[in-house]
Amino acid sequence: MIMEKIEKEIKAIKERNKRVETDKAWETSWTRRICICVLTYIVVVCYQWLISKNSNIWLSSIVPVIGFTLSTLSLKLVRKIWEKNRE
C-alpha cells in the first residue's frame, strides 16, 4: 500500500518535471521569440495603415499592447506544433 502511494507520487513528480522542462524550453525558444516579433510587426503595420490619417497619441500608444496581446493569444497553436516537433 505504501509502495503504491510512493510510486504514484514519483510518477506525478516525473510528469510535473516534464511539463516544467517543456515550459522552460518554450519560454526561451527562438520559435516563440520570432512569432512574437512577426505577429507584433503585422499588428503594427495594419494598425498604422488604419490610423494613417489620424495622429492621435492615445491611438498610437495602444499598438504595443494590442500586438503583445494578440501574439500571446495566438501562440497556443504555435506552441502545440512546436511541442509535437520537439519530441
Protein backbone atom coordinates (compact mmCIF):
# COMPACT_ATOMS: atom_id res chain seq x y z
CA MET A 1 0.00 0.00 0.00
CA ILE A 2 2.73 2.45 0.97
CA MET A 3 4.85 1.41 -2.03
CA GLU A 4 1.94 2.06 -4.40
CA LYS A 5 1.46 5.51 -2.91
CA ILE A 6 5.16 6.29 -3.26
CA GLU A 7 5.16 5.05 -6.87
CA LYS A 8 2.17 7.28 -7.68
CA GLU A 9 3.90 10.28 -6.12
CA ILE A 10 7.10 9.60 -8.04
CA LYS A 11 5.13 9.28 -11.28
CA ALA A 12 3.33 12.56 -10.57
CA ILE A 13 6.64 14.31 -9.85
CA LYS A 14 8.17 12.99 -13.09
CA GLU A 15 5.15 14.19 -15.09
CA ARG A 16 5.34 17.61 -13.45
CA ASN A 17 9.07 17.85 -14.14
CA LYS A 18 8.46 17.04 -17.80
CA ARG A 19 5.84 19.82 -18.03
CA VAL A 20 8.16 22.30 -16.31
CA GLU A 21 11.03 21.42 -18.65
CA THR A 22 8.78 21.89 -21.68
CA ASP A 23 7.51 25.23 -20.34
CA LYS A 24 11.06 26.43 -19.76
CA ALA A 25 12.18 25.33 -23.22
CA TRP A 26 9.20 27.09 -24.81
CA GLU A 27 9.78 30.34 -22.93
CA THR A 28 13.37 30.51 -24.16
CA SER A 29 12.80 29.14 -27.67
CA TRP A 30 13.57 31.12 -30.80
CA THR A 31 10.27 29.95 -32.28
CA ARG A 32 8.37 31.85 -29.59
CA ARG A 33 10.53 34.96 -29.90
CA ILE A 34 10.27 35.11 -33.68
CA CYS A 35 6.49 34.56 -33.61
CA ILE A 36 6.03 37.39 -31.11
CA CYS A 37 8.15 39.72 -33.27
CA VAL A 38 6.38 38.82 -36.51
CA LEU A 39 2.88 38.99 -35.07
CA THR A 40 3.58 42.30 -33.32
CA TYR A 41 5.02 43.73 -36.54
CA ILE A 42 1.95 42.65 -38.53
CA VAL A 43 -0.36 44.23 -35.98
CA VAL A 44 1.63 47.49 -36.00
CA VAL A 45 1.62 47.68 -39.81
CA CYS A 46 -2.12 47.00 -40.04
CA TYR A 47 -2.89 49.42 -37.23
CA GLN A 48 -0.72 52.19 -38.68
CA TRP A 49 -2.41 51.71 -42.04
CA LEU A 50 -5.82 52.05 -40.40
CA ILE A 51 -4.95 55.22 -38.46
CA SER A 52 -2.59 56.78 -41.01
CA LYS A 53 -4.81 59.85 -41.30
CA ASN A 54 -5.05 60.31 -37.56
CA SER A 55 -2.04 61.22 -35.42
CA ASN A 56 -3.70 60.74 -32.04
CA ILE A 57 -1.06 59.77 -29.43
CA TRP A 58 -3.59 57.69 -27.49
CA LEU A 59 -4.39 55.57 -30.52
CA SER A 60 -0.72 55.14 -31.38
CA SER A 61 0.18 54.16 -27.83
CA ILE A 62 -2.14 51.18 -27.80
CA VAL A 63 -0.28 49.45 -30.66
CA PRO A 64 2.26 47.56 -28.50
CA VAL A 65 -0.48 46.40 -26.15
CA ILE A 66 -2.64 45.06 -28.97
CA GLY A 67 0.35 43.42 -30.65
CA PHE A 68 1.52 41.71 -27.49
CA THR A 69 -1.97 40.55 -26.55
CA LEU A 70 -2.71 39.09 -29.98
CA SER A 71 0.68 37.39 -30.17
CA THR A 72 0.27 35.71 -26.79
CA LEU A 73 -3.24 34.55 -27.66
CA SER A 74 -2.19 33.07 -30.99
CA LEU A 75 0.95 31.40 -29.66
CA LYS A 76 -1.00 28.48 -28.18
CA LEU A 77 -1.35 26.93 -31.62
CA VAL A 78 2.30 27.56 -32.45
CA ARG A 79 3.32 26.01 -29.13
CA LYS A 80 1.34 22.83 -29.80
CA ILE A 81 3.06 22.45 -33.15
CA TRP A 82 6.44 23.22 -31.55
CA GLU A 83 5.91 20.61 -28.82
CA LYS A 84 5.00 17.91 -31.36
CA ASN A 85 8.12 18.63 -33.39
CA ARG A 86 10.29 18.73 -30.26
CA GLU A 87 9.51 15.14 -29.25
